[in-house]
Amino acid sequence: MDELLSVENLTVRFRRGDVVTTPVREVSFALAAGKRLAIVGESGGGKSMTALALTGLSPTDRAERSGRVRFLGRELLALPADELRGLRGRGGIAYVFQDPAAALNPVMRIGAQIAECLDGPSAGRRREIVRLLGRVGLPDPEAAARAYPCAFSGGMQQRAMVAMALAGRPRLLVADEPTTALDVTTQRQVLDLVEQLVRESGMSLLLITHNLGIVAGRADRVAVMYAGQVVETGPVAEVLRRPWHPYTAGLLAAVPRLDGPRDRPLAGIAGSVPSPDAWPAGCAFQDRCPRQDDTCRQPPPVRDDGAGRQARCWRP
């Protein structure tokens, strides 16, 4: 299988005076053409920042990126800004962001915003806009193209964002928490839509979510992030069946289950993710881990079984 995206030791730093914040620390993963990878973890763990850093979309121009990011054989961290802009969308990497109301321009019609992602004569673009809006399941796509974002519900806005992402025929779709603030039924609909479109088009998918429970069947591999680092990776089925890292086990224990006793209490993970400007020395999860001991005060090694599973832990 051809490798589409390769990320090696990606690190993102922000400098504000004498304070250095490192929200992403030596993150590595790979994604093959036509495959799906989920990045999972709590808010504040570095998931979205990792995705934005791939194409230089960090929220400030003071971001320092290091490591290697190769997409279709090109080193992205070395590309000038104009070439990175050309890579976003058209035949490259497209994003579906977690807040469509903030991502869509409120004073432009939906069709006009999608048109910015298309080439060719205006008549051809109008037909393609209607086709895309119909493909993502919006009723009356011609009327939808003339509407402003405020006329859409949250789920309809997210479908319009998916249509905009598809307009450039990308090789990789990055879905960054695409179901945030949506009701449960609409969440399922949006996730099913993304899965269907990825399967039909042959795109690769990078799905970012805080909910480990939704990745079963929607990804081939999973990377669990905590405190700016990948702490566990592996095939989804194996990670869900037998997690190696205590943090992954904690995330799974917090997911409601339909099987088993109805009075089963949900387990939580004590504490919270530390601040990016104060990562603890050694294992970042040590203060929340029920199995920590003095060994955890030292940086843990990355254990590899040689068959695609890894864990950053002293005792995986």
C-alpha atoms as a PDB file:
ATOM      1  CA  MET A   1       0.000   0.000   0.000  1.00  0.00           C
ATOM      2  CA  ASP A   2       1.405   3.385  -0.995  1.00  0.00           C
ATOM      3  CA  GLU A   3       2.215   5.714   1.896  1.00  0.00           C
ATOM      4  CA  LEU A   4       0.315   8.969   1.549  1.00  0.00           C
ATOM      5  CA  LEU A   5       1.305  10.816   4.735  1.00  0.00           C
ATOM      6  CA  SER A   6       4.314  10.262   6.976  1.00  0.00           C
ATOM      7  CA  VAL A   7       4.846  12.256  10.171  1.00  0.00           C
ATOM      8  CA  GLU A   8       8.110  11.835  12.073  1.00  0.00           C
ATOM      9  CA  ASN A   9       8.912  13.559  15.376  1.00  0.00           C
ATOM     10  CA  LEU A  10       6.613  16.513  14.669  1.00  0.00           C
ATOM     11  CA  THR A  11       7.043  19.163  17.368  1.00  0.00           C
ATOM     12  CA  VAL A  12       5.236  22.505  17.630  1.00  0.00           C
ATOM     13  CA  ARG A  13       6.506  25.292  19.899  1.00  0.00           C
ATOM     14  CA  PHE A  14       5.229  28.761  20.732  1.00  0.00           C
ATOM     15  CA  ARG A  15       7.494  31.390  22.268  1.00  0.00           C
ATOM     16  CA  ARG A  16       6.043  34.274  24.248  1.00  0.00           C
ATOM     17  CA  GLY A  17       8.913  36.160  25.775  1.00  0.00           C
ATOM     18  CA  ASP A  18      10.772  33.734  28.029  1.00  0.00           C
ATOM     19  CA  VAL A  19       7.890  31.227  28.087  1.00  0.00           C
ATOM     20  CA  VAL A  20       8.070  28.277  25.682  1.00  0.00           C
ATOM     21  CA  THR A  21       4.911  26.208  25.158  1.00  0.00           C
ATOM     22  CA  THR A  22       5.149  22.852  23.373  1.00  0.00           C
ATOM     23  CA  PRO A  23       1.626  21.558  22.669  1.00  0.00           C
ATOM     24  CA  VAL A  24       2.907  18.870  20.256  1.00  0.00           C
ATOM     25  CA  ARG A  25       5.957  16.779  21.161  1.00  0.00           C
ATOM     26  CA  GLU A  26       7.710  14.379  18.792  1.00  0.00           C
ATOM     27  CA  VAL A  27       4.525  12.975  17.267  1.00  0.00           C
ATOM     28  CA  SER A  28       4.975  10.224  14.677  1.00  0.00           C
ATOM     29  CA  PHE A  29       2.451   8.289  12.604  1.00  0.00           C
ATOM     30  CA  ALA A  30       1.855   7.176   9.027  1.00  0.00           C
ATOM     31  CA  LEU A  31      -1.219   6.929   6.844  1.00  0.00           C
ATOM     32  CA  ALA A  32      -1.442   4.838   3.673  1.00  0.00           C
ATOM     33  CA  ALA A  33      -3.513   5.763   0.633  1.00  0.00           C
ATOM     34  CA  GLY A  34      -7.151   4.817   1.087  1.00  0.00           C
ATOM     35  CA  LYS A  35      -6.746   4.097   4.811  1.00  0.00           C
ATOM     36  CA  ARG A  36      -8.289   5.709   7.913  1.00  0.00           C
ATOM     37  CA  LEU A  37      -6.456   6.820  11.051  1.00  0.00           C
ATOM     38  CA  ALA A  38      -8.143   8.151  14.198  1.00  0.00           C
ATOM     39  CA  ILE A  39      -6.325  10.400  16.669  1.00  0.00           C
ATOM     40  CA  VAL A  40      -8.037  10.176  20.057  1.00  0.00           C
ATOM     41  CA  GLY A  41      -7.604  11.928  23.379  1.00  0.00           C
ATOM     42  CA  GLU A  42      -8.988  14.490  25.797  1.00  0.00           C
ATOM     43  CA  SER A  43      -9.248  18.173  24.967  1.00  0.00           C
ATOM     44  CA  GLY A  44      -5.922  19.917  25.427  1.00  0.00           C
ATOM     45  CA  GLY A  45      -3.896  16.863  24.425  1.00  0.00           C
ATOM     46  CA  GLY A  46      -2.579  18.287  21.133  1.00  0.00           C
ATOM     47  CA  LYS A  47      -4.807  16.488  18.594  1.00  0.00           C
ATOM     48  CA  SER A  48      -6.108  19.500  16.677  1.00  0.00           C
ATOM     49  CA  MET A  49      -2.774  21.310  16.860  1.00  0.00           C
ATOM     50  CA  THR A  50      -1.117  18.280  15.262  1.00  0.00           C
ATOM     51  CA  ALA A  51      -3.609  18.315  12.379  1.00  0.00           C
ATOM     52  CA  LEU A  52      -3.269  22.067  11.836  1.00  0.00           C
ATOM     53  CA  ALA A  53       0.524  21.889  11.894  1.00  0.00           C
ATOM     54  CA  LEU A  54       0.573  19.493   8.931  1.00  0.00           C
ATOM     55  CA  THR A  55      -0.151  22.348   6.513  1.00  0.00           C
ATOM     56  CA  GLY A  56       0.967  25.354   8.563  1.00  0.00           C
ATOM     57  CA  LEU A  57      -2.484  26.295   9.873  1.00  0.00           C
ATOM     58  CA  SER A  58      -1.257  26.973  13.408  1.00  0.00           C
ATOM     59  CA  PRO A  59      -3.255  29.746  15.117  1.00  0.00           C
ATOM     60  CA  THR A  60      -0.309  32.135  15.222  1.00  0.00           C
ATOM     61  CA  ASP A  61       2.615  32.911  12.946  1.00  0.00           C
ATOM     62  CA  ARG A  62       4.933  32.499  15.943  1.00  0.00           C
ATOM     63  CA  ALA A  63       4.583  28.719  15.787  1.00  0.00           C
ATOM     64  CA  GLU A  64       7.851  26.831  15.312  1.00  0.00           C
ATOM     65  CA  ARG A  65       7.521  23.432  13.632  1.00  0.00           C
ATOM     66  CA  SER A  66      10.242  20.805  13.520  1.00  0.00           C
ATOM     67  CA  GLY A  67      10.479  17.168  12.501  1.00  0.00           C
ATOM     68  CA  ARG A  68       9.331  15.769   9.162  1.00  0.00           C
ATOM     69  CA  VAL A  69       5.944  15.783   7.448  1.00  0.00           C
ATOM     70  CA  ARG A  70       5.895  14.116   4.033  1.00  0.00           C
ATOM     71  CA  PHE A  71       2.772  14.101   1.858  1.00  0.00           C
ATOM     72  CA  LEU A  72       2.884  12.404  -1.539  1.00  0.00           C
ATOM     73  CA  GLY A  73       6.661  12.442  -1.232  1.00  0.00           C
ATOM     74  CA  ARG A  74       6.912  16.212  -0.578  1.00  0.00           C
ATOM     75  CA  GLU A  75       8.387  17.623   2.627  1.00  0.00           C
ATOM     76  CA  LEU A  76       5.663  19.996   3.876  1.00  0.00           C
ATOM     77  CA  LEU A  77       7.580  21.757   6.642  1.00  0.00           C
ATOM     78  CA  ALA A  78       9.991  23.152   4.046  1.00  0.00           C
ATOM     79  CA  LEU A  79       7.329  24.428   1.629  1.00  0.00           C
ATOM     80  CA  PRO A  80       6.815  28.203   1.285  1.00  0.00           C
ATOM     81  CA  ALA A  81       3.444  29.627   2.310  1.00  0.00           C
ATOM     82  CA  ASP A  82       2.085  29.987  -1.237  1.00  0.00           C
ATOM     83  CA  GLU A  83       2.779  26.328  -2.050  1.00  0.00           C
ATOM     84  CA  LEU A  84       1.144  25.237   1.206  1.00  0.00           C
ATOM     85  CA  ARG A  85      -1.966  27.219   0.298  1.00  0.00           C
ATOM     86  CA  GLY A  86      -2.088  25.398  -3.026  1.00  0.00           C
ATOM     87  CA  LEU A  87      -1.838  22.065  -1.219  1.00  0.00           C
ATOM     88  CA  ARG A  88      -4.862  22.720   0.986  1.00  0.00           C
ATOM     89  CA  GLY A  89      -7.898  21.322  -0.747  1.00  0.00           C
ATOM     90  CA  ARG A  90      -7.270  20.852  -4.432  1.00  0.00           C
ATOM     91  CA  GLY A  91      -5.813  17.393  -4.841  1.00  0.00           C
ATOM     92  CA  GLY A  92      -4.117  17.686  -1.453  1.00  0.00           C
ATOM     93  CA  ILE A  93      -5.362  17.974   2.130  1.00  0.00           C
ATOM     94  CA  ALA A  94      -8.840  19.270   2.989  1.00  0.00           C
ATOM     95  CA  TYR A  95     -10.233  20.032   6.449  1.00  0.00           C
ATOM     96  CA  VAL A  96     -13.645  19.724   8.067  1.00  0.00           C
ATOM     97  CA  PHE A  97     -13.430  21.790  11.248  1.00  0.00           C
ATOM     98  CA  GLN A  98     -15.268  21.210  14.513  1.00  0.00           C
ATOM     99  CA  ASP A  99     -17.261  24.467  14.490  1.00  0.00           C
ATOM    100  CA  PRO A 100     -18.864  25.008  11.069  1.00  0.00           C
ATOM    101  CA  ALA A 101     -20.570  28.212  12.224  1.00  0.00           C
ATOM    102  CA  ALA A 102     -17.134  29.747  12.817  1.00  0.00           C
ATOM    103  CA  ALA A 103     -15.552  28.243   9.696  1.00  0.00           C
ATOM    104  CA  LEU A 104     -18.246  29.431   7.275  1.00  0.00           C
ATOM    105  CA  ASN A 105     -18.378  33.083   6.210  1.00  0.00           C
ATOM    106  CA  PRO A 106     -21.718  34.405   7.575  1.00  0.00           C
ATOM    107  CA  VAL A 107     -22.127  37.065   4.838  1.00  0.00           C
ATOM    108  CA  MET A 108     -21.500  34.791   1.839  1.00  0.00           C
ATOM    109  CA  ARG A 109     -23.973  32.364   0.331  1.00  0.00           C
ATOM    110  CA  ILE A 110     -23.082  28.688   0.694  1.00  0.00           C
ATOM    111  CA  GLY A 111     -22.700  28.249  -3.069  1.00  0.00           C
ATOM    112  CA  ALA A 112     -20.320  31.205  -3.339  1.00  0.00           C
ATOM    113  CA  GLN A 113     -18.094  29.743  -0.631  1.00  0.00           C
ATOM    114  CA  ILE A 114     -17.920  26.378  -2.373  1.00  0.00           C
ATOM    115  CA  ALA A 115     -17.253  28.135  -5.704  1.00  0.00           C
ATOM    116  CA  GLU A 116     -13.984  29.475  -4.292  1.00  0.00           C
ATOM    117  CA  CYS A 117     -12.723  25.873  -4.206  1.00  0.00           C
ATOM    118  CA  LEU A 118     -13.597  25.199  -7.861  1.00  0.00           C
ATOM    119  CA  ASP A 119     -12.055  26.023 -11.237  1.00  0.00           C
ATOM    120  CA  GLY A 120     -13.664  26.375 -14.655  1.00  0.00           C
ATOM    121  CA  PRO A 121     -16.486  28.435 -16.211  1.00  0.00           C
ATOM    122  CA  SER A 122     -19.264  29.717 -13.960  1.00  0.00           C
ATOM    123  CA  ALA A 123     -21.961  27.464 -15.471  1.00  0.00           C
ATOM    124  CA  GLY A 124     -19.877  24.369 -14.780  1.00  0.00           C
ATOM    125  CA  ARG A 125     -19.150  25.524 -11.255  1.00  0.00           C
ATOM    126  CA  ARG A 126     -22.854  26.072 -10.541  1.00  0.00           C
ATOM    127  CA  ARG A 127     -23.657  22.527 -11.636  1.00  0.00           C
ATOM    128  CA  GLU A 128     -20.829  21.135  -9.519  1.00  0.00           C
ATOM    129  CA  ILE A 129     -21.968  23.106  -6.440  1.00  0.00           C
ATOM    130  CA  VAL A 130     -25.483  21.676  -6.739  1.00  0.00           C
ATOM    131  CA  ARG A 131     -24.074  18.183  -7.279  1.00  0.00           C
ATOM    132  CA  LEU A 132     -21.858  18.432  -4.184  1.00  0.00           C
ATOM    133  CA  LEU A 133     -24.641  19.744  -1.957  1.00  0.00           C
ATOM    134  CA  GLY A 134     -26.861  16.923  -3.144  1.00  0.00           C
ATOM    135  CA  ARG A 135     -24.115  14.392  -2.556  1.00  0.00           C
ATOM    136  CA  VAL A 136     -23.792  15.359   1.116  1.00  0.00           C
ATOM    137  CA  GLY A 137     -27.530  14.892   1.591  1.00  0.00           C
ATOM    138  CA  LEU A 138     -28.831  18.458   1.760  1.00  0.00           C
ATOM    139  CA  PRO A 139     -32.477  18.669   0.655  1.00  0.00           C
ATOM    140  CA  ASP A 140     -33.109  20.953  -2.325  1.00  0.00           C
ATOM    141  CA  PRO A 141     -29.415  21.580  -3.110  1.00  0.00           C
ATOM    142  CA  GLU A 142     -30.232  24.446  -5.485  1.00  0.00           C
ATOM    143  CA  ALA A 143     -31.933  26.369  -2.685  1.00  0.00           C
ATOM    144  CA  ALA A 144     -29.133  25.403  -0.305  1.00  0.00           C
ATOM    145  CA  ALA A 145     -26.572  26.966  -2.644  1.00  0.00           C
ATOM    146  CA  ARG A 146     -28.432  30.293  -2.472  1.00  0.00           C
ATOM    147  CA  ALA A 147     -28.805  30.230   1.322  1.00  0.00           C
ATOM    148  CA  TYR A 148     -26.641  31.916   3.938  1.00  0.00           C
ATOM    149  CA  PRO A 149     -25.143  29.815   6.758  1.00  0.00           C
ATOM    150  CA  CYS A 150     -27.551  31.284   9.327  1.00  0.00           C
ATOM    151  CA  ALA A 151     -30.432  29.524   7.540  1.00  0.00           C
ATOM    152  CA  PHE A 152     -28.867  26.118   8.256  1.00  0.00           C
ATOM    153  CA  SER A 153     -28.927  24.003  11.390  1.00  0.00           C
ATOM    154  CA  GLY A 154     -25.613  22.852  12.842  1.00  0.00           C
ATOM    155  CA  GLY A 155     -25.859  19.516  11.045  1.00  0.00           C
ATOM    156  CA  MET A 156     -26.655  21.184   7.719  1.00  0.00           C
ATOM    157  CA  GLN A 157     -23.724  23.586   8.173  1.00  0.00           C
ATOM    158  CA  GLN A 158     -21.407  20.647   8.748  1.00  0.00           C
ATOM    159  CA  ARG A 159     -22.712  18.948   5.591  1.00  0.00           C
ATOM    160  CA  ALA A 160     -21.955  22.158   3.680  1.00  0.00           C
ATOM    161  CA  MET A 161     -18.420  22.086   5.128  1.00  0.00           C
ATOM    162  CA  VAL A 162     -18.014  18.505   3.910  1.00  0.00           C
ATOM    163  CA  ALA A 163     -19.202  19.564   0.432  1.00  0.00           C
ATOM    164  CA  MET A 164     -16.647  22.382   0.440  1.00  0.00           C
ATOM    165  CA  ALA A 165     -13.892  19.955   1.420  1.00  0.00           C
ATOM    166  CA  LEU A 166     -14.877  17.566  -1.379  1.00  0.00           C
ATOM    167  CA  ALA A 167     -14.869  20.357  -3.977  1.00  0.00           C
ATOM    168  CA  GLY A 168     -11.101  20.229  -4.322  1.00  0.00           C
ATOM    169  CA  ARG A 169     -11.029  16.430  -4.754  1.00  0.00           C
ATOM    170  CA  PRO A 170      -8.490  15.989  -1.940  1.00  0.00           C
ATOM    171  CA  ARG A 171      -6.372  12.910  -1.387  1.00  0.00           C
ATOM    172  CA  LEU A 172      -6.627  13.309   2.412  1.00  0.00           C
ATOM    173  CA  LEU A 173      -9.629  14.501   4.432  1.00  0.00           C
ATOM    174  CA  VAL A 174      -8.927  15.758   7.966  1.00  0.00           C
ATOM    175  CA  ALA A 175     -12.119  15.668  10.057  1.00  0.00           C
ATOM    176  CA  ASP A 176     -11.337  17.577  13.258  1.00  0.00           C
ATOM    177  CA  GLU A 177     -14.014  16.785  15.850  1.00  0.00           C
ATOM    178  CA  PRO A 178     -16.699  17.074  13.121  1.00  0.00           C
ATOM    179  CA  THR A 179     -19.588  16.326  15.500  1.00  0.00           C
ATOM    180  CA  THR A 180     -18.897  18.943  18.192  1.00  0.00           C
ATOM    181  CA  ALA A 181     -22.098  20.606  19.532  1.00  0.00           C
ATOM    182  CA  LEU A 182     -24.363  18.347  17.432  1.00  0.00           C
ATOM    183  CA  ASP A 183     -27.098  16.181  18.916  1.00  0.00           C
ATOM    184  CA  VAL A 184     -26.502  12.440  19.061  1.00  0.00           C
ATOM    185  CA  THR A 185     -28.639  11.599  16.023  1.00  0.00           C
ATOM    186  CA  THR A 186     -26.972  14.272  13.884  1.00  0.00           C
ATOM    187  CA  GLN A 187     -23.537  13.142  15.079  1.00  0.00           C
ATOM    188  CA  ARG A 188     -24.254   9.663  13.742  1.00  0.00           C
ATOM    189  CA  GLN A 189     -25.503  11.080  10.441  1.00  0.00           C
ATOM    190  CA  VAL A 190     -22.419  13.247   9.912  1.00  0.00           C
ATOM    191  CA  LEU A 191     -20.025  10.420  10.793  1.00  0.00           C
ATOM    192  CA  ASP A 192     -21.872   8.013   8.492  1.00  0.00           C
ATOM    193  CA  LEU A 193     -21.734  10.609   5.709  1.00  0.00           C
ATOM    194  CA  VAL A 194     -17.975  11.125   6.089  1.00  0.00           C
ATOM    195  CA  GLU A 195     -17.395   7.371   6.158  1.00  0.00           C
ATOM    196  CA  GLN A 196     -19.504   6.819   3.029  1.00  0.00           C
ATOM    197  CA  LEU A 197     -17.817   9.614   1.059  1.00  0.00           C
ATOM    198  CA  VAL A 198     -14.332   8.447   2.033  1.00  0.00           C
ATOM    199  CA  ARG A 199     -15.167   4.911   0.951  1.00  0.00           C
ATOM    200  CA  GLU A 200     -16.711   5.995  -2.371  1.00  0.00           C
ATOM    201  CA  SER A 201     -13.950   8.443  -3.328  1.00  0.00           C
ATOM    202  CA  GLY A 202     -10.949   6.432  -2.145  1.00  0.00           C
ATOM    203  CA  MET A 203      -9.675   9.290   0.012  1.00  0.00           C
ATOM    204  CA  SER A 204      -7.649   8.733   3.137  1.00  0.00           C
ATOM    205  CA  LEU A 205      -9.159   9.950   6.407  1.00  0.00           C
ATOM    206  CA  LEU A 206      -7.580  11.486   9.497  1.00  0.00           C
ATOM    207  CA  LEU A 207     -10.362  11.531  12.102  1.00  0.00           C
ATOM    208  CA  ILE A 208      -9.774  13.525  15.280  1.00  0.00           C
ATOM    209  CA  THR A 209     -12.052  12.859  18.237  1.00  0.00           C
ATOM    210  CA  HIS A 210     -12.128  12.776  22.019  1.00  0.00           C
ATOM    211  CA  ASN A 211     -14.477   9.768  21.986  1.00  0.00           C
ATOM    212  CA  LEU A 212     -12.675   6.461  21.672  1.00  0.00           C
ATOM    213  CA  GLY A 213     -16.037   4.728  21.410  1.00  0.00           C
ATOM    214  CA  ILE A 214     -16.838   6.046  17.907  1.00  0.00           C
ATOM    215  CA  VAL A 215     -13.679   4.849  16.154  1.00  0.00           C
ATOM    216  CA  ALA A 216     -14.688   1.186  16.011  1.00  0.00           C
ATOM    217  CA  GLY A 217     -15.526   0.477  12.387  1.00  0.00           C
ATOM    218  CA  ARG A 218     -14.660   4.025  11.324  1.00  0.00           C
ATOM    219  CA  ALA A 219     -10.857   3.737  11.316  1.00  0.00           C
ATOM    220  CA  ASP A 220      -8.236   1.137  10.527  1.00  0.00           C
ATOM    221  CA  ARG A 221      -5.677   2.350  13.072  1.00  0.00           C
ATOM    222  CA  VAL A 222      -5.806   4.586  16.122  1.00  0.00           C
ATOM    223  CA  ALA A 223      -3.242   6.873  17.750  1.00  0.00           C
ATOM    224  CA  VAL A 224      -4.002   7.864  21.347  1.00  0.00           C
ATOM    225  CA  MET A 225      -2.588  11.275  22.329  1.00  0.00           C
ATOM    226  CA  TYR A 226      -1.968  12.631  25.793  1.00  0.00           C
ATOM    227  CA  ALA A 227      -0.094  15.789  26.810  1.00  0.00           C
ATOM    228  CA  GLY A 228       1.169  16.436  23.290  1.00  0.00           C
ATOM    229  CA  GLN A 229       2.524  12.910  22.751  1.00  0.00           C
ATOM    230  CA  VAL A 230       1.283   9.735  21.100  1.00  0.00           C
ATOM    231  CA  VAL A 231       1.104   7.233  23.962  1.00  0.00           C
ATOM    232  CA  GLU A 232      -0.347   4.262  22.071  1.00  0.00           C
ATOM    233  CA  THR A 233      -0.878   3.220  18.462  1.00  0.00           C
ATOM    234  CA  GLY A 234      -2.189   0.103  16.799  1.00  0.00           C
ATOM    235  CA  PRO A 235      -5.013  -1.468  14.799  1.00  0.00           C
ATOM    236  CA  VAL A 236      -8.348  -0.247  16.155  1.00  0.00           C
ATOM    237  CA  ALA A 237      -9.749  -3.678  16.959  1.00  0.00           C
ATOM    238  CA  GLU A 238      -6.677  -4.708  18.934  1.00  0.00           C
ATOM    239  CA  VAL A 239      -6.422  -1.449  20.886  1.00  0.00           C
ATOM    240  CA  LEU A 240     -10.100  -1.581  21.835  1.00  0.00           C
ATOM    241  CA  ARG A 241      -9.889  -5.243  22.824  1.00  0.00           C
ATOM    242  CA  ARG A 242      -6.652  -5.039  24.819  1.00  0.00           C
ATOM    243  CA  PRO A 243      -5.317  -1.533  25.493  1.00  0.00           C
ATOM    244  CA  TRP A 244      -1.689  -1.367  26.546  1.00  0.00           C
ATOM    245  CA  HIS A 245      -1.435   2.118  28.013  1.00  0.00           C
ATOM    246  CA  PRO A 246      -3.295   2.959  31.269  1.00  0.00           C
ATOM    247  CA  TYR A 247      -4.596   6.154  29.665  1.00  0.00           C
ATOM    248  CA  THR A 248      -6.182   4.221  26.795  1.00  0.00           C
ATOM    249  CA  ALA A 249      -7.742   1.839  29.315  1.00  0.00           C
ATOM    250  CA  GLY A 250      -9.137   4.833  31.208  1.00  0.00           C
ATOM    251  CA  LEU A 251     -10.698   6.298  28.068  1.00  0.00           C
ATOM    252  CA  LEU A 252     -12.345   2.966  27.270  1.00  0.00           C
ATOM    253  CA  ALA A 253     -13.706   2.595  30.795  1.00  0.00           C
ATOM    254  CA  ALA A 254     -15.423   5.982  30.445  1.00  0.00           C
ATOM    255  CA  VAL A 255     -17.381   4.924  27.337  1.00  0.00           C
ATOM    256  CA  PRO A 256     -20.999   3.824  28.001  1.00  0.00           C
ATOM    257  CA  ARG A 257     -21.767   0.255  26.885  1.00  0.00           C
ATOM    258  CA  LEU A 258     -25.012  -1.310  25.698  1.00  0.00           C
ATOM    259  CA  ASP A 259     -23.995  -4.774  26.881  1.00  0.00           C
ATOM    260  CA  GLY A 260     -23.385  -5.729  30.474  1.00  0.00           C
ATOM    261  CA  PRO A 261     -25.307  -4.679  33.612  1.00  0.00           C
ATOM    262  CA  ARG A 262     -27.390  -1.510  33.334  1.00  0.00           C
ATOM    263  CA  ASP A 263     -26.234  -0.247  36.715  1.00  0.00           C
ATOM    264  CA  ARG A 264     -22.561  -0.392  35.690  1.00  0.00           C
ATOM    265  CA  PRO A 265     -21.062   2.934  36.791  1.00  0.00           C
ATOM    266  CA  LEU A 266     -18.942   4.879  34.339  1.00  0.00           C
ATOM    267  CA  ALA A 267     -15.338   5.128  35.395  1.00  0.00           C
ATOM    268  CA  GLY A 268     -13.550   8.449  35.180  1.00  0.00           C
ATOM    269  CA  ILE A 269      -9.897   9.466  35.026  1.00  0.00           C
ATOM    270  CA  ALA A 270      -8.961  11.519  38.064  1.00  0.00           C
ATOM    271  CA  GLY A 271      -7.418  14.946  37.460  1.00  0.00           C
ATOM    272  CA  SER A 272      -7.036  16.729  34.147  1.00  0.00           C
ATOM    273  CA  VAL A 273      -4.584  17.145  31.282  1.00  0.00           C
ATOM    274  CA  PRO A 274      -1.667  19.338  32.450  1.00  0.00           C
ATOM    275  CA  SER A 275      -0.949  22.682  30.824  1.00  0.00           C
ATOM    276  CA  PRO A 276       1.298  22.622  27.710  1.00  0.00           C
ATOM    277  CA  ASP A 277       3.731  25.027  29.374  1.00  0.00           C
ATOM    278  CA  ALA A 278       4.087  22.735  32.394  1.00  0.00           C
ATOM    279  CA  TRP A 279       4.315  19.166  31.132  1.00  0.00           C
ATOM    280  CA  PRO A 280       5.614  16.988  34.008  1.00  0.00           C
ATOM    281  CA  ALA A 281       9.026  15.378  33.750  1.00  0.00           C
ATOM    282  CA  GLY A 282       9.007  11.682  32.975  1.00  0.00           C
ATOM    283  CA  CYS A 283       5.696  10.098  32.014  1.00  0.00           C
ATOM    284  CA  ALA A 284       3.160  12.866  31.438  1.00  0.00           C
ATOM    285  CA  PHE A 285       0.327  10.642  32.720  1.00  0.00           C
ATOM    286  CA  GLN A 286       2.031   9.734  36.007  1.00  0.00           C
ATOM    287  CA  ASP A 287      -0.017  11.985  38.309  1.00  0.00           C
ATOM    288  CA  ARG A 288      -3.297  10.474  37.022  1.00  0.00           C
ATOM    289  CA  CYS A 289      -2.172   6.876  36.584  1.00  0.00           C
ATOM    290  CA  PRO A 290      -3.378   4.296  39.126  1.00  0.00           C
ATOM    291  CA  ARG A 291      -0.270   2.161  38.479  1.00  0.00           C
ATOM    292  CA  GLN A 292       2.459   4.809  38.700  1.00  0.00           C
ATOM    293  CA  ASP A 293       5.560   4.350  40.817  1.00  0.00           C
ATOM    294  CA  ASP A 294       8.972   6.025  41.105  1.00  0.00           C
ATOM    295  CA  THR A 295      10.048   4.613  37.732  1.00  0.00           C
ATOM    296  CA  CYS A 296       7.457   6.833  36.052  1.00  0.00           C
ATOM    297  CA  ARG A 297       9.450   9.939  37.038  1.00  0.00           C
ATOM    298  CA  GLN A 298      11.747   9.074  34.141  1.00  0.00           C
ATOM    299  CA  PRO A 299      10.764   9.433  30.456  1.00  0.00           C
ATOM    300  CA  PRO A 300       9.184   6.116  29.432  1.00  0.00           C
ATOM    301  CA  PRO A 301      10.458   4.138  26.441  1.00  0.00           C
ATOM    302  CA  VAL A 302       8.308   3.400  23.409  1.00  0.00           C
ATOM    303  CA  ARG A 303       7.617  -0.340  23.456  1.00  0.00           C
ATOM    304  CA  ASP A 304       7.024  -1.955  20.047  1.00  0.00           C
ATOM    305  CA  ASP A 305       5.746  -5.475  19.451  1.00  0.00           C
ATOM    306  CA  GLY A 306       7.105  -5.481  15.888  1.00  0.00           C
ATOM    307  CA  ALA A 307       3.619  -6.022  14.443  1.00  0.00           C
ATOM    308  CA  GLY A 308       2.270  -2.477  14.417  1.00  0.00           C
ATOM    309  CA  ARG A 309       1.509  -1.848  18.092  1.00  0.00           C
ATOM    310  CA  GLN A 310       3.377   0.648  20.243  1.00  0.00           C
ATOM    311  CA  ALA A 311       2.968   2.151  23.709  1.00  0.00           C
ATOM    312  CA  ARG A 312       4.914   4.872  25.521  1.00  0.00           C
ATOM    313  CA  CYS A 313       4.909   3.277  28.964  1.00  0.00           C
ATOM    314  CA  TRP A 314       7.239   1.580  31.419  1.00  0.00           C
ATOM    315  CA  ARG A 315       4.844  -1.343  31.885  1.00  0.00           C
ATOM    316  CA  PRO A 316       2.530  -1.630  28.870  1.00  0.00           C
END
